[in-house]
Protein backbone atom coordinates (compact mmCIF):
# COMPACT_ATOMS: atom_id res chain seq x y z
CA UNK A 1 9.91 8.48 23.82
CA UNK A 2 6.58 7.17 23.12
CA UNK A 3 5.61 8.03 19.46
CA UNK A 4 2.62 8.72 16.73
CA UNK A 5 2.18 7.08 13.72
CA UNK A 6 0.32 8.51 10.90
CA UNK A 7 -0.42 7.61 7.31
CA UNK A 8 -3.52 7.68 4.99
CA UNK A 9 -6.01 4.82 4.19
CA UNK A 10 -4.40 3.44 0.50
CA UNK A 11 -1.92 1.40 3.39
CA UNK A 12 -5.31 -1.67 3.15
CA UNK A 13 -5.26 -1.03 6.88
CA UNK A 14 -7.78 -3.03 8.79
CA UNK A 15 -9.91 -1.11 11.46
CA UNK A 16 -8.64 -3.56 13.96
CA UNK A 17 -4.72 -3.84 13.48
CA UNK A 18 -4.48 -0.04 13.21
CA UNK A 19 -6.39 0.61 16.67
CA UNK A 20 -3.66 -2.62 18.00
CA UNK A 21 -0.82 -0.35 17.36
CA UNK A 22 -2.37 3.01 17.92
CA UNK A 23 -1.39 3.88 13.65
CA UNK A 24 -3.85 7.17 12.88
CA UNK A 25 -5.27 6.49 9.05
CA UNK A 26 -6.85 9.73 7.04
CA UNK A 27 -9.37 8.23 4.13
CA UNK A 28 -8.47 9.60 1.00
CA UNK A 29 -10.97 10.41 -0.89
CA UNK A 30 -13.50 9.06 -4.57
CA UNK A 31 -15.00 11.22 -6.86
CA UNK A 32 -18.18 10.62 -8.30
CA UNK A 33 -19.43 12.85 -11.34
CA UNK A 34 -17.68 15.37 -9.26
CA UNK A 35 -19.13 13.85 -5.78
CA UNK A 36 -17.28 13.85 -3.51
CA UNK A 37 -16.91 10.20 -0.80
CA UNK A 38 -14.54 9.36 1.99
CA UNK A 39 -12.62 6.11 1.58
CA UNK A 40 -13.47 3.75 3.34
CA UNK A 41 -15.97 5.69 5.67
CA UNK A 42 -18.95 7.17 2.88
CA UNK A 43 -17.69 3.90 0.06
CA UNK A 44 -17.46 0.34 0.63
CA UNK A 45 -16.33 -2.44 -1.99
CA UNK A 46 -19.38 -3.54 -2.75
CA UNK A 47 -21.53 -0.32 -3.78
CA UNK A 48 -17.95 0.68 -5.45
CA UNK A 49 -17.30 -2.17 -7.25
CA UNK A 50 -21.27 -0.78 -9.26
CA UNK A 51 -20.16 1.97 -9.52
CA UNK A 52 -16.80 1.79 -11.68
CA UNK A 53 -18.34 -0.91 -13.12
CA UNK A 54 -20.72 1.39 -14.78
CA UNK A 55 -20.04 3.58 -17.97
CA UNK A 56 -22.00 6.30 -17.19
CA UNK A 57 -20.72 6.88 -14.17
CA UNK A 58 -17.08 8.77 -13.88
CA UNK A 59 -14.51 8.23 -11.28
CA UNK A 60 -11.10 9.32 -9.90
CA UNK A 61 -9.39 9.37 -6.76
CA UNK A 62 -7.77 12.22 -4.81
CA UNK A 63 -5.39 12.13 -1.12
CA UNK A 64 -6.52 13.82 2.15
CA UNK A 65 -5.86 17.02 2.10
CA UNK A 66 -3.22 19.03 3.97
CA UNK A 67 -5.56 20.15 6.76
CA UNK A 68 -6.93 17.22 7.49
CA UNK A 69 -2.78 16.16 7.88
CA UNK A 70 -2.80 19.23 10.50
CA UNK A 71 -6.24 18.25 12.46
CA UNK A 72 -3.94 14.81 13.05
CA UNK A 73 -0.72 16.19 13.26
CA UNK A 74 -1.98 19.06 16.14
CA UNK A 75 -4.33 16.08 18.06
CA UNK A 76 -1.74 13.81 18.26
CA UNK A 77 1.64 16.11 19.18
CA UNK A 78 -0.92 17.04 22.20
CA UNK A 79 -0.18 13.50 23.07
CA UNK A 80 3.42 12.00 22.60
CA UNK A 81 6.71 12.87 21.82
CA UNK A 82 7.57 11.96 17.51
CA UNK A 83 5.19 11.88 14.71
CA UNK A 84 5.83 9.63 12.11
CA UNK A 85 3.79 10.40 9.03
CA UNK A 86 4.15 7.42 6.25
CA UNK A 87 3.09 8.03 2.87
CA UNK A 88 3.21 6.51 -0.71
CA UNK A 89 5.39 7.50 -3.65
CA UNK A 90 4.43 10.78 -4.54
CA UNK A 91 4.28 9.97 -8.49
CA UNK A 92 1.21 7.59 -7.41
CA UNK A 93 -0.87 10.18 -4.69
CA UNK A 94 -0.35 14.03 -3.16
CA UNK A 95 -0.31 12.10 0.00
CA UNK A 96 2.90 13.26 0.85
CA UNK A 97 2.66 16.74 -0.52
CA UNK A 98 -0.31 17.51 1.68
CA UNK A 99 1.81 16.29 4.69
CA UNK A 100 4.52 18.74 3.74
CA UNK A 101 1.82 21.74 3.16
CA UNK A 102 0.49 20.13 6.87
CA UNK A 103 4.37 20.36 7.76
CA UNK A 104 4.96 24.08 7.59
CA UNK A 105 2.39 25.70 9.71
CA UNK A 106 1.88 23.47 12.93
CA UNK A 107 3.97 24.13 16.03
CA UNK A 108 6.84 21.74 17.01
CA UNK A 109 7.04 21.03 13.49
CA UNK A 110 10.70 19.70 14.54
CA UNK A 111 8.97 16.79 16.15
CA UNK A 112 7.25 16.19 12.56
CA UNK A 113 9.25 13.22 10.40
CA UNK A 114 7.59 12.40 7.18
CA UNK A 115 8.75 9.31 4.85
CA UNK A 116 7.99 8.17 1.66
CA UNK A 117 7.59 4.28 1.62
CA UNK A 118 8.37 4.24 -2.09
CA UNK A 119 5.06 1.70 -1.83
CA UNK A 120 1.07 1.82 -1.69
CA UNK A 121 -1.58 -0.62 -0.16
CA UNK A 122 -0.16 -2.75 2.31
CA UNK A 123 3.35 -2.58 1.43
CA UNK A 124 2.72 1.32 3.03
CA UNK A 125 0.77 -0.27 5.94
CA UNK A 126 3.82 -3.23 6.60
CA UNK A 127 6.11 -0.47 7.01
CA UNK A 128 3.95 1.06 9.46
CA UNK A 129 3.30 -1.95 11.86
CA UNK A 130 7.66 -2.69 11.68
CA UNK A 131 7.87 1.30 12.50
CA UNK A 132 5.01 1.15 15.41
CA UNK A 133 6.80 -2.58 16.32
CA UNK A 134 10.43 -1.70 16.67
CA UNK A 135 9.18 1.98 18.51
CA UNK A 136 8.39 -0.09 21.15
CA UNK A 137 11.57 -1.29 21.48
CA UNK A 138 14.16 1.62 21.64
CA UNK A 139 14.08 5.39 22.77
CA UNK A 140 16.65 6.40 20.61
CA UNK A 141 15.57 8.10 18.08
CA UNK A 142 17.59 8.41 15.96
CA UNK A 143 18.10 4.90 15.50
CA UNK A 144 14.27 4.90 15.54
CA UNK A 145 14.22 6.61 12.29
CA UNK A 146 17.10 4.76 10.89
CA UNK A 147 15.11 1.73 11.11
CA UNK A 148 12.29 3.85 9.40
CA UNK A 149 13.59 4.42 6.34
CA UNK A 150 15.24 1.04 5.87
CA UNK A 151 12.05 0.00 6.56
CA UNK A 152 11.16 2.16 3.43
CA UNK A 153 14.01 0.83 1.40
CA UNK A 154 13.23 -2.22 1.57
CA UNK A 155 9.75 -2.80 1.19
CA UNK A 156 7.93 -4.29 -1.47
CA UNK A 157 4.90 -5.48 -2.98
CA UNK A 158 4.27 -7.99 -5.33
CA UNK A 159 0.85 -8.81 -7.16
CA UNK A 160 -1.54 -9.50 -10.12
CA UNK A 161 -4.43 -7.92 -11.68
CA UNK A 162 -7.26 -9.59 -13.65
CA UNK A 163 -7.38 -6.96 -15.83
CA UNK A 164 -5.00 -3.88 -17.09
CA UNK A 165 -7.84 -2.06 -17.97
CA UNK A 166 -8.94 -0.45 -14.85
CA UNK A 167 -5.24 1.01 -14.32
CA UNK A 168 -5.09 2.16 -17.61
CA UNK A 169 -8.51 4.27 -16.83
CA UNK A 170 -7.94 6.18 -14.02
CA UNK A 171 -4.53 7.12 -16.03
CA UNK A 172 -2.28 6.49 -13.07
CA UNK A 173 0.24 4.60 -15.12
CA UNK A 174 0.59 4.39 -19.18
CA UNK A 175 -0.20 1.23 -19.93
CA UNK A 176 -2.53 1.38 -23.00
CA UNK A 177 -1.45 -0.99 -25.26
CA UNK A 178 0.09 -3.57 -22.90
CA UNK A 179 -3.12 -3.52 -21.09
CA UNK A 180 -4.98 -4.14 -24.77
CA UNK A 181 -2.43 -7.42 -25.53
CA UNK A 182 -3.32 -8.57 -21.86
CA UNK A 183 -6.65 -8.18 -22.10
CA UNK A 184 -6.42 -10.15 -26.03
CA UNK A 185 -4.03 -12.65 -24.36
CA UNK A 186 -6.39 -13.41 -21.17
CA UNK A 187 -2.79 -13.09 -19.93
CA UNK A 188 -2.70 -11.95 -15.37
CA UNK A 189 0.29 -9.22 -15.51
CA UNK A 190 2.62 -9.91 -12.56
CA UNK A 191 3.32 -6.13 -11.50
CA UNK A 192 6.41 -5.28 -8.04
CA UNK A 193 6.27 -2.07 -7.00
CA UNK A 194 9.78 -0.70 -4.65
CA UNK A 195 11.46 2.18 -4.38
CA UNK A 196 8.76 4.35 -6.35
CA UNK A 197 8.65 2.22 -9.47
CA UNK A 198 6.96 -0.24 -10.45
CA UNK A 199 7.77 -2.80 -12.39
CA UNK A 200 5.91 -5.56 -14.72
CA UNK A 201 7.78 -8.88 -14.04
CA UNK A 202 5.72 -11.67 -15.49
CA UNK A 203 3.09 -12.75 -17.80
CA UNK A 204 1.90 -15.40 -16.49
CA UNK A 205 -1.89 -16.86 -18.28
CA UNK A 206 -3.27 -18.51 -15.48
CA UNK A 207 -4.81 -17.60 -12.70
CA UNK A 208 -3.12 -20.33 -10.80
CA UNK A 209 0.11 -20.26 -11.92
CA UNK A 210 0.61 -16.48 -11.02
CA UNK A 211 0.43 -17.28 -7.16
CA UNK A 212 2.45 -19.74 -7.55
CA UNK A 213 4.69 -17.50 -9.34
CA UNK A 214 4.37 -14.63 -7.03
CA UNK A 215 5.00 -16.61 -3.63
CA UNK A 216 7.96 -17.98 -5.39
CA UNK A 217 9.62 -14.08 -5.67
CA UNK A 218 8.25 -13.62 -2.20
CA UNK A 219 10.99 -16.43 -1.12
CA UNK A 220 13.77 -15.83 -3.01
CA UNK A 221 13.83 -11.83 -2.38
CA UNK A 222 12.25 -11.65 1.43
CA UNK A 223 14.63 -10.49 3.67
CA UNK A 224 14.75 -13.27 6.57
CA UNK A 225 16.73 -11.56 8.72
CA UNK A 226 14.96 -8.45 9.56
CA UNK A 227 12.51 -8.77 12.66
CA UNK A 228 10.11 -8.21 12.24
CA UNK A 229 8.79 -10.85 10.17
CA UNK A 230 5.73 -10.39 8.50
CA UNK A 231 3.92 -10.26 5.30
CA UNK A 232 0.45 -9.13 4.31
CA UNK A 233 -1.62 -10.08 1.79
CA UNK A 234 -4.28 -7.91 0.34
CA UNK A 235 -7.29 -8.51 -2.24
CA UNK A 236 -10.76 -6.87 -3.69
CA UNK A 237 -13.26 -9.35 -4.50
CA UNK A 238 -10.63 -12.62 -4.99
CA UNK A 239 -10.70 -14.17 -0.85
CA UNK A 240 -10.68 -17.71 -2.06
CA UNK A 241 -7.47 -16.90 -4.28
CA UNK A 242 -5.83 -15.01 -0.77
CA UNK A 243 -6.21 -17.81 0.93
CA UNK A 244 -4.66 -19.89 -1.81
CA UNK A 245 -2.04 -17.68 -1.14
CA UNK A 246 -1.61 -17.54 2.39
CA UNK A 247 -1.91 -21.73 2.14
CA UNK A 248 1.24 -21.20 0.64
CA UNK A 249 2.78 -18.41 2.00
CA UNK A 250 1.64 -20.43 5.79
CA UNK A 251 3.66 -23.66 4.73
CA UNK A 252 6.66 -21.79 3.61
CA UNK A 253 7.38 -19.41 6.38
CA UNK A 254 5.68 -21.20 9.19
CA UNK A 255 7.24 -18.96 12.21
CA UNK A 256 6.32 -15.74 10.22
CA UNK A 257 3.00 -13.22 11.83
CA UNK A 258 0.57 -12.81 8.45
CA UNK A 259 -1.62 -9.62 7.85
CA UNK A 260 -4.06 -9.96 5.78
CA UNK A 261 -6.72 -7.06 4.12
CA UNK A 262 -8.96 -6.06 2.24
CA UNK A 263 -7.97 -3.18 -0.90
CA UNK A 264 -8.98 0.22 0.42
CA UNK A 265 -11.68 1.80 -1.55
CA UNK A 266 -8.72 3.67 -3.08
CA UNK A 267 -6.70 1.22 -4.18
CA UNK A 268 -10.13 -1.09 -5.31
CA UNK A 269 -10.62 1.97 -7.86
CA UNK A 270 -7.33 1.95 -9.96
CA UNK A 271 -7.39 -1.61 -9.74
CA UNK A 272 -10.72 -3.17 -10.32
CA UNK A 273 -11.80 -6.86 -8.68
CA UNK A 274 -9.31 -9.69 -8.97
CA UNK A 275 -5.98 -8.17 -7.43
CA UNK A 276 -4.31 -9.56 -5.33
CA UNK A 277 -0.44 -9.34 -3.47
CA UNK A 278 1.90 -9.42 -0.72
CA UNK A 279 3.85 -7.42 1.29
CA UNK A 280 7.02 -7.95 2.35
CA UNK A 281 11.43 -6.64 2.92
CA UNK A 282 13.20 -7.65 0.40
CA UNK A 283 16.72 -7.56 0.99
CA UNK A 284 18.88 -4.85 -0.45
CA UNK A 285 20.36 -6.98 -2.66
CA UNK A 286 17.43 -8.95 -3.87
CA UNK A 287 15.71 -7.52 -7.17
CA UNK A 288 12.82 -8.60 -9.27
CA UNK A 289 13.55 -7.64 -13.22
CA UNK A 290 11.25 -7.07 -14.99
CA UNK A 291 10.01 -3.43 -17.36
CA UNK A 292 9.45 -0.73 -15.62
CA UNK A 293 6.16 1.41 -15.71
CA UNK A 294 6.50 4.86 -17.02
CA UNK A 295 3.77 7.10 -15.30
């Protein structure tokens, strides 16, 4: 059974990793003063940094269109037996809606299975990688789809930001009061994304403390029995911090495959410089507590 895997650029997957695991990445859109750019293709992170810090320029992001999914599905169906299409939560992106619209138009739609992963960023990417690895090991479709759903239920992302002002500015989540407090107190908020929820878990004052806390959270929640054993690290303009986090993770989990990526422009536009996160599959009975942030 040959499997095709589709996701979008919010997965933060480096091109070489996507190619290695044969994952089709569909780029989202970034609008700068209503001019449209394809994320990661027409606009790189250096150009994006200048734009999001320019008070005279407005920006917003958009999911891939149904037509883009339709085209990808039709092409891939000629080469595979089944497509697994993985998407961020519907509350954070319109990608899932676009994929479902495309599904209604595609012949042999029964050969396409769409999943809402509950996370974005490299957590979405890790789910795609785990799906690809599992697909190589099983020929039973029911077992494969059951395992993919398990990945979607268990994937979590733990991250920190230098500031919440960019998240608030784009309107993705309603945290204006928390934003003002965090900036005024120089707090480095730690956010946890899992099962389509975002939790404000901790509010350390130092970046180094935030990194250490994230690694501790990873250690406490990681499903150590789950195969494949992979952890993801992603950042936006804080490579030194990402390397420090990697060093700590390698000490704790020396046998794990670590996937590193830079935040896709779609993610970076909504978080601003200083985004640092780790993605992993959490044990089912281990949850990180905190205050849920409403969308």
